[in-house]
Amino acid sequence: MSETGAFASQSDCDSTTIDNVTQSLQKYSTCIPEMAKKDGRVSLNRLIWILKDSLNLLQPVQDKCEAPTAATLLFF
């Protein structure tokens, strides 16, 4: 989704990286419990479904990627 609430355009996708998305998720992850209390169950469920759908799309790609090295694993 883009900042306007619509799905991301191809140019949005071309101009970002997995690291950008990861940083955004990490940034807001500490706020999610409080946001869920404030915004309610419907908003939380929508977020959960979007995240689940995203993970489902990523799984086949992950399966095709090389396994991480020990150095990469230590980074996380």
PDB file of N, CA and C in Angstrom:
ATOM      1  N   MET A   1       0.844  -1.173   0.000  1.00  0.00           N
ATOM      2  CA  MET A   1       0.000   0.000   0.000  1.00  0.00           C
ATOM      3  C   MET A   1       0.893   1.240   0.000  1.00  0.00           C
ATOM      4  N   SER A   2       0.465   2.237  -0.680  1.00  0.00           N
ATOM      5  CA  SER A   2       1.211   3.486  -0.705  1.00  0.00           C
ATOM      6  C   SER A   2       0.680   4.410   0.378  1.00  0.00           C
ATOM      7  N   GLU A   3       1.304   5.563   0.495  1.00  0.00           N
ATOM      8  CA  GLU A   3       0.899   6.500   1.538  1.00  0.00           C
ATOM      9  C   GLU A   3      -0.528   6.995   1.352  1.00  0.00           C
ATOM     10  N   THR A   4      -1.060   6.935   0.139  1.00  0.00           N
ATOM     11  CA  THR A   4      -2.428   7.394  -0.085  1.00  0.00           C
ATOM     12  C   THR A   4      -3.449   6.331   0.267  1.00  0.00           C
ATOM     13  N   GLY A   5      -2.992   5.134   0.625  1.00  0.00           N
ATOM     14  CA  GLY A   5      -3.902   4.072   1.000  1.00  0.00           C
ATOM     15  C   GLY A   5      -4.212   3.114  -0.129  1.00  0.00           C
ATOM     16  N   ALA A   6      -3.778   3.424  -1.333  1.00  0.00           N
ATOM     17  CA  ALA A   6      -3.986   2.530  -2.466  1.00  0.00           C
ATOM     18  C   ALA A   6      -2.825   1.545  -2.514  1.00  0.00           C
ATOM     19  N   PHE A   7      -3.006   0.495  -3.292  1.00  0.00           N
ATOM     20  CA  PHE A   7      -1.909  -0.449  -3.446  1.00  0.00           C
ATOM     21  C   PHE A   7      -0.735   0.232  -4.123  1.00  0.00           C
ATOM     22  N   ALA A   8       0.456  -0.244  -3.833  1.00  0.00           N
ATOM     23  CA  ALA A   8       1.666   0.346  -4.389  1.00  0.00           C
ATOM     24  C   ALA A   8       1.678   0.213  -5.905  1.00  0.00           C
ATOM     25  N   SER A   9       2.136   1.259  -6.553  1.00  0.00           N
ATOM     26  CA  SER A   9       2.294   1.225  -8.005  1.00  0.00           C
ATOM     27  C   SER A   9       3.607   0.519  -8.333  1.00  0.00           C
ATOM     28  N   GLN A  10       3.808   0.222  -9.594  1.00  0.00           N
ATOM     29  CA  GLN A  10       5.057  -0.415 -10.001  1.00  0.00           C
ATOM     30  C   GLN A  10       6.243   0.487  -9.683  1.00  0.00           C
ATOM     31  N   SER A  11       6.089   1.802  -9.864  1.00  0.00           N
ATOM     32  CA  SER A  11       7.200   2.714  -9.551  1.00  0.00           C
ATOM     33  C   SER A  11       7.488   2.728  -8.047  1.00  0.00           C
ATOM     34  N   ASP A  12       6.437   2.581  -7.212  1.00  0.00           N
ATOM     35  CA  ASP A  12       6.659   2.450  -5.766  1.00  0.00           C
ATOM     36  C   ASP A  12       7.497   1.207  -5.478  1.00  0.00           C
ATOM     37  N   CYS A  13       7.136   0.117  -6.123  1.00  0.00           N
ATOM     38  CA  CYS A  13       7.847  -1.145  -5.908  1.00  0.00           C
ATOM     39  C   CYS A  13       9.284  -1.069  -6.411  1.00  0.00           C
ATOM     40  N   ASP A  14       9.474  -0.394  -7.543  1.00  0.00           N
ATOM     41  CA  ASP A  14      10.811  -0.281  -8.119  1.00  0.00           C
ATOM     42  C   ASP A  14      11.736   0.586  -7.270  1.00  0.00           C
ATOM     43  N   SER A  15      11.167   1.505  -6.501  1.00  0.00           N
ATOM     44  CA  SER A  15      11.996   2.458  -5.765  1.00  0.00           C
ATOM     45  C   SER A  15      12.213   2.078  -4.301  1.00  0.00           C
ATOM     46  N   THR A  16      11.790   0.898  -3.899  1.00  0.00           N
ATOM     47  CA  THR A  16      12.011   0.489  -2.512  1.00  0.00           C
ATOM     48  C   THR A  16      12.719  -0.857  -2.483  1.00  0.00           C
ATOM     49  N   THR A  17      13.119  -1.277  -1.298  1.00  0.00           N
ATOM     50  CA  THR A  17      13.824  -2.544  -1.123  1.00  0.00           C
ATOM     51  C   THR A  17      13.208  -3.311   0.046  1.00  0.00           C
ATOM     52  N   ILE A  18      13.566  -4.564   0.137  1.00  0.00           N
ATOM     53  CA  ILE A  18      13.140  -5.377   1.284  1.00  0.00           C
ATOM     54  C   ILE A  18      13.645  -4.736   2.576  1.00  0.00           C
ATOM     55  N   ASP A  19      14.864  -4.193   2.542  1.00  0.00           N
ATOM     56  CA  ASP A  19      15.402  -3.533   3.735  1.00  0.00           C
ATOM     57  C   ASP A  19      14.540  -2.347   4.162  1.00  0.00           C
ATOM     58  N   ASN A  20      14.020  -1.573   3.189  1.00  0.00           N
ATOM     59  CA  ASN A  20      13.131  -0.448   3.524  1.00  0.00           C
ATOM     60  C   ASN A  20      11.873  -0.940   4.227  1.00  0.00           C
ATOM     61  N   VAL A  21      11.292  -2.000   3.707  1.00  0.00           N
ATOM     62  CA  VAL A  21      10.070  -2.551   4.298  1.00  0.00           C
ATOM     63  C   VAL A  21      10.369  -3.099   5.693  1.00  0.00           C
ATOM     64  N   THR A  22      11.492  -3.799   5.819  1.00  0.00           N
ATOM     65  CA  THR A  22      11.895  -4.347   7.111  1.00  0.00           C
ATOM     66  C   THR A  22      12.081  -3.239   8.141  1.00  0.00           C
ATOM     67  N   GLN A  23      12.748  -2.162   7.740  1.00  0.00           N
ATOM     68  CA  GLN A  23      12.960  -1.043   8.660  1.00  0.00           C
ATOM     69  C   GLN A  23      11.640  -0.427   9.105  1.00  0.00           C
ATOM     70  N   SER A  24      10.702  -0.299   8.189  1.00  0.00           N
ATOM     71  CA  SER A  24       9.388   0.247   8.558  1.00  0.00           C
ATOM     72  C   SER A  24       8.676  -0.660   9.549  1.00  0.00           C
ATOM     73  N   LEU A  25       8.709  -1.963   9.289  1.00  0.00           N
ATOM     74  CA  LEU A  25       8.065  -2.901  10.211  1.00  0.00           C
ATOM     75  C   LEU A  25       8.729  -2.866  11.583  1.00  0.00           C
ATOM     76  N   GLN A  26      10.067  -2.827  11.593  1.00  0.00           N
ATOM     77  CA  GLN A  26      10.770  -2.758  12.874  1.00  0.00           C
ATOM     78  C   GLN A  26      10.437  -1.467  13.610  1.00  0.00           C
ATOM     79  N   LYS A  27      10.382  -0.366  12.884  1.00  0.00           N
ATOM     80  CA  LYS A  27      10.113   0.940  13.483  1.00  0.00           C
ATOM     81  C   LYS A  27       8.759   0.951  14.184  1.00  0.00           C
ATOM     82  N   TYR A  28       7.743   0.413  13.519  1.00  0.00           N
ATOM     83  CA  TYR A  28       6.388   0.490  14.059  1.00  0.00           C
ATOM     84  C   TYR A  28       5.997  -0.704  14.918  1.00  0.00           C
ATOM     85  N   SER A  29       6.810  -1.749  14.934  1.00  0.00           N
ATOM     86  CA  SER A  29       6.429  -2.953  15.681  1.00  0.00           C
ATOM     87  C   SER A  29       6.248  -2.680  17.165  1.00  0.00           C
ATOM     88  N   THR A  30       7.019  -1.762  17.703  1.00  0.00           N
ATOM     89  CA  THR A  30       6.864  -1.455  19.128  1.00  0.00           C
ATOM     90  C   THR A  30       5.568  -0.704  19.406  1.00  0.00           C
ATOM     91  N   CYS A  31       5.019  -0.063  18.383  1.00  0.00           N
ATOM     92  CA  CYS A  31       3.783   0.715  18.545  1.00  0.00           C
ATOM     93  C   CYS A  31       2.525  -0.113  18.276  1.00  0.00           C
ATOM     94  N   ILE A  32       2.669  -1.249  17.645  1.00  0.00           N
ATOM     95  CA  ILE A  32       1.503  -2.003  17.180  1.00  0.00           C
ATOM     96  C   ILE A  32       0.531  -2.352  18.311  1.00  0.00           C
ATOM     97  N   PRO A  33       0.989  -2.827  19.470  1.00  0.00           N
ATOM     98  CA  PRO A  33       0.008  -3.134  20.525  1.00  0.00           C
ATOM     99  C   PRO A  33      -0.840  -1.922  20.926  1.00  0.00           C
ATOM    100  N   GLU A  34      -0.206  -0.766  21.044  1.00  0.00           N
ATOM    101  CA  GLU A  34      -0.949   0.442  21.414  1.00  0.00           C
ATOM    102  C   GLU A  34      -1.877   0.881  20.283  1.00  0.00           C
ATOM    103  N   MET A  35      -1.395   0.788  19.036  1.00  0.00           N
ATOM    104  CA  MET A  35      -2.241   1.140  17.891  1.00  0.00           C
ATOM    105  C   MET A  35      -3.455   0.222  17.827  1.00  0.00           C
ATOM    106  N   ALA A  36      -3.247  -1.059  18.128  1.00  0.00           N
ATOM    107  CA  ALA A  36      -4.349  -2.020  18.080  1.00  0.00           C
ATOM    108  C   ALA A  36      -5.420  -1.663  19.103  1.00  0.00           C
ATOM    109  N   LYS A  37      -4.994  -1.244  20.285  1.00  0.00           N
ATOM    110  CA  LYS A  37      -5.964  -0.829  21.307  1.00  0.00           C
ATOM    111  C   LYS A  37      -6.753   0.389  20.840  1.00  0.00           C
ATOM    112  N   LYS A  38      -6.049   1.325  20.209  1.00  0.00           N
ATOM    113  CA  LYS A  38      -6.669   2.580  19.788  1.00  0.00           C
ATOM    114  C   LYS A  38      -7.557   2.385  18.552  1.00  0.00           C
ATOM    115  N   ASP A  39      -7.059   1.641  17.562  1.00  0.00           N
ATOM    116  CA  ASP A  39      -7.754   1.536  16.272  1.00  0.00           C
ATOM    117  C   ASP A  39      -8.759   0.397  16.202  1.00  0.00           C
ATOM    118  N   GLY A  40      -8.649  -0.571  17.083  1.00  0.00           N
ATOM    119  CA  GLY A  40      -9.642  -1.624  17.160  1.00  0.00           C
ATOM    120  C   GLY A  40      -9.333  -2.872  16.354  1.00  0.00           C
ATOM    121  N   ARG A  41     -10.203  -3.818  16.558  1.00  0.00           N
ATOM    122  CA  ARG A  41     -10.030  -5.159  16.011  1.00  0.00           C
ATOM    123  C   ARG A  41     -10.071  -5.205  14.484  1.00  0.00           C
ATOM    124  N   VAL A  42     -10.943  -4.433  13.867  1.00  0.00           N
ATOM    125  CA  VAL A  42     -11.065  -4.467  12.404  1.00  0.00           C
ATOM    126  C   VAL A  42      -9.747  -4.045  11.757  1.00  0.00           C
ATOM    127  N   SER A  43      -9.165  -2.959  12.246  1.00  0.00           N
ATOM    128  CA  SER A  43      -7.885  -2.492  11.701  1.00  0.00           C
ATOM    129  C   SER A  43      -6.779  -3.505  11.952  1.00  0.00           C
ATOM    130  N   LEU A  44      -6.762  -4.075  13.140  1.00  0.00           N
ATOM    131  CA  LEU A  44      -5.751  -5.078  13.465  1.00  0.00           C
ATOM    132  C   LEU A  44      -5.894  -6.304  12.573  1.00  0.00           C
ATOM    133  N   ASN A  45      -7.121  -6.775  12.391  1.00  0.00           N
ATOM    134  CA  ASN A  45      -7.339  -7.932  11.520  1.00  0.00           C
ATOM    135  C   ASN A  45      -6.891  -7.650  10.093  1.00  0.00           C
ATOM    136  N   ARG A  46      -7.149  -6.437   9.618  1.00  0.00           N
ATOM    137  CA  ARG A  46      -6.728  -6.067   8.261  1.00  0.00           C
ATOM    138  C   ARG A  46      -5.209  -6.127   8.146  1.00  0.00           C
ATOM    139  N   LEU A  47      -4.509  -5.588   9.140  1.00  0.00           N
ATOM    140  CA  LEU A  47      -3.047  -5.644   9.150  1.00  0.00           C
ATOM    141  C   LEU A  47      -2.562  -7.086   9.162  1.00  0.00           C
ATOM    142  N   ILE A  48      -3.160  -7.910   9.994  1.00  0.00           N
ATOM    143  CA  ILE A  48      -2.759  -9.315  10.092  1.00  0.00           C
ATOM    144  C   ILE A  48      -2.936 -10.019   8.752  1.00  0.00           C
ATOM    145  N   TRP A  49      -4.065  -9.798   8.075  1.00  0.00           N
ATOM    146  CA  TRP A  49      -4.296 -10.448   6.783  1.00  0.00           C
ATOM    147  C   TRP A  49      -3.309  -9.969   5.727  1.00  0.00           C
ATOM    148  N   ILE A  50      -2.990  -8.679   5.736  1.00  0.00           N
ATOM    149  CA  ILE A  50      -2.006  -8.160   4.777  1.00  0.00           C
ATOM    150  C   ILE A  50      -0.640  -8.790   5.038  1.00  0.00           C
ATOM    151  N   LEU A  51      -0.249  -8.887   6.307  1.00  0.00           N
ATOM    152  CA  LEU A  51       1.031  -9.505   6.642  1.00  0.00           C
ATOM    153  C   LEU A  51       1.055 -10.983   6.264  1.00  0.00           C
ATOM    154  N   LYS A  52      -0.032 -11.707   6.541  1.00  0.00           N
ATOM    155  CA  LYS A  52      -0.100 -13.124   6.170  1.00  0.00           C
ATOM    156  C   LYS A  52      -0.012 -13.302   4.662  1.00  0.00           C
ATOM    157  N   ASP A  53      -0.750 -12.480   3.911  1.00  0.00           N
ATOM    158  CA  ASP A  53      -0.692 -12.565   2.448  1.00  0.00           C
ATOM    159  C   ASP A  53       0.710 -12.265   1.941  1.00  0.00           C
ATOM    160  N   SER A  54       1.353 -11.280   2.545  1.00  0.00           N
ATOM    161  CA  SER A  54       2.718 -10.930   2.147  1.00  0.00           C
ATOM    162  C   SER A  54       3.674 -12.084   2.421  1.00  0.00           C
ATOM    163  N   LEU A  55       3.544 -12.704   3.584  1.00  0.00           N
ATOM    164  CA  LEU A  55       4.394 -13.848   3.909  1.00  0.00           C
ATOM    165  C   LEU A  55       4.158 -15.005   2.951  1.00  0.00           C
ATOM    166  N   ASN A  56       2.911 -15.231   2.581  1.00  0.00           N
ATOM    167  CA  ASN A  56       2.602 -16.292   1.619  1.00  0.00           C
ATOM    168  C   ASN A  56       3.243 -16.021   0.265  1.00  0.00           C
ATOM    169  N   LEU A  57       3.293 -14.760  -0.146  1.00  0.00           N
ATOM    170  CA  LEU A  57       3.946 -14.405  -1.408  1.00  0.00           C
ATOM    171  C   LEU A  57       5.461 -14.554  -1.321  1.00  0.00           C
ATOM    172  N   LEU A  58       6.013 -14.307  -0.148  1.00  0.00           N
ATOM    173  CA  LEU A  58       7.462 -14.375   0.023  1.00  0.00           C
ATOM    174  C   LEU A  58       7.993 -15.798   0.160  1.00  0.00           C
ATOM    175  N   GLN A  59       7.189 -16.721   0.649  1.00  0.00           N
ATOM    176  CA  GLN A  59       7.659 -18.078   0.910  1.00  0.00           C
ATOM    177  C   GLN A  59       8.287 -18.743  -0.315  1.00  0.00           C
ATOM    178  N   PRO A  60       7.637 -18.743  -1.489  1.00  0.00           N
ATOM    179  CA  PRO A  60       8.263 -19.375  -2.655  1.00  0.00           C
ATOM    180  C   PRO A  60       9.566 -18.688  -3.068  1.00  0.00           C
ATOM    181  N   VAL A  61       9.636 -17.390  -2.896  1.00  0.00           N
ATOM    182  CA  VAL A  61      10.859 -16.657  -3.226  1.00  0.00           C
ATOM    183  C   VAL A  61      11.965 -17.048  -2.256  1.00  0.00           C
ATOM    184  N   GLN A  62      11.626 -17.137  -0.983  1.00  0.00           N
ATOM    185  CA  GLN A  62      12.604 -17.521   0.028  1.00  0.00           C
ATOM    186  C   GLN A  62      13.141 -18.922  -0.245  1.00  0.00           C
ATOM    187  N   ASP A  63      12.263 -19.818  -0.648  1.00  0.00           N
ATOM    188  CA  ASP A  63      12.679 -21.187  -0.929  1.00  0.00           C
ATOM    189  C   ASP A  63      13.710 -21.250  -2.048  1.00  0.00           C
ATOM    190  N   LYS A  64      13.667 -20.294  -2.978  1.00  0.00           N
ATOM    191  CA  LYS A  64      14.595 -20.274  -4.110  1.00  0.00           C
ATOM    192  C   LYS A  64      15.890 -19.533  -3.805  1.00  0.00           C
ATOM    193  N   CYS A  65      15.927 -18.764  -2.724  1.00  0.00           N
ATOM    194  CA  CYS A  65      17.116 -17.988  -2.369  1.00  0.00           C
ATOM    195  C   CYS A  65      18.160 -18.888  -1.723  1.00  0.00           C
ATOM    196  N   GLU A  66      19.409 -18.433  -1.812  1.00  0.00           N
ATOM    197  CA  GLU A  66      20.486 -19.161  -1.156  1.00  0.00           C
ATOM    198  C   GLU A  66      20.300 -19.109   0.354  1.00  0.00           C
ATOM    199  N   ALA A  67      20.763 -20.145   1.015  1.00  0.00           N
ATOM    200  CA  ALA A  67      20.715 -20.163   2.474  1.00  0.00           C
ATOM    201  C   ALA A  67      21.655 -19.086   3.006  1.00  0.00           C
ATOM    202  N   PRO A  68      21.305 -18.450   4.111  1.00  0.00           N
ATOM    203  CA  PRO A  68      22.173 -17.405   4.666  1.00  0.00           C
ATOM    204  C   PRO A  68      23.471 -17.989   5.200  1.00  0.00           C
ATOM    205  N   THR A  69      24.518 -17.185   5.150  1.00  0.00           N
ATOM    206  CA  THR A  69      25.797 -17.598   5.710  1.00  0.00           C
ATOM    207  C   THR A  69      25.778 -17.360   7.212  1.00  0.00           C
ATOM    208  N   ALA A  70      26.762 -17.908   7.908  1.00  0.00           N
ATOM    209  CA  ALA A  70      26.858 -17.707   9.353  1.00  0.00           C
ATOM    210  C   ALA A  70      27.006 -16.227   9.683  1.00  0.00           C
ATOM    211  N   ALA A  71      27.760 -15.494   8.858  1.00  0.00           N
ATOM    212  CA  ALA A  71      27.950 -14.060   9.095  1.00  0.00           C
ATOM    213  C   ALA A  71      26.629 -13.311   8.984  1.00  0.00           C
ATOM    214  N   THR A  72      25.807 -13.685   8.023  1.00  0.00           N
ATOM    215  CA  THR A  72      24.507 -13.043   7.855  1.00  0.00           C
ATOM    216  C   THR A  72      23.623 -13.325   9.058  1.00  0.00           C
ATOM    217  N   LEU A  73      23.642 -14.547   9.540  1.00  0.00           N
ATOM    218  CA  LEU A  73      22.815 -14.903  10.687  1.00  0.00           C
ATOM    219  C   LEU A  73      23.242 -14.155  11.944  1.00  0.00           C
ATOM    220  N   LEU A  74      24.531 -13.895  12.095  1.00  0.00           N
ATOM    221  CA  LEU A  74      25.014 -13.157  13.261  1.00  0.00           C
ATOM    222  C   LEU A  74      24.563 -11.708  13.233  1.00  0.00           C
ATOM    223  N   PHE A  75      24.334 -11.177  12.037  1.00  0.00           N
ATOM    224  CA  PHE A  75      23.883  -9.796  11.898  1.00  0.00           C
ATOM    225  C   PHE A  75      22.520  -9.613  12.539  1.00  0.00           C
ATOM    226  N   PHE A  76      21.682 -10.619  12.471  1.00  0.00           N
ATOM    227  CA  PHE A  76      20.331 -10.526  13.014  1.00  0.00           C
ATOM    228  C   PHE A  76      20.344 -11.072  14.396  1.00  0.00           C
TER     229      PHE A  76
END
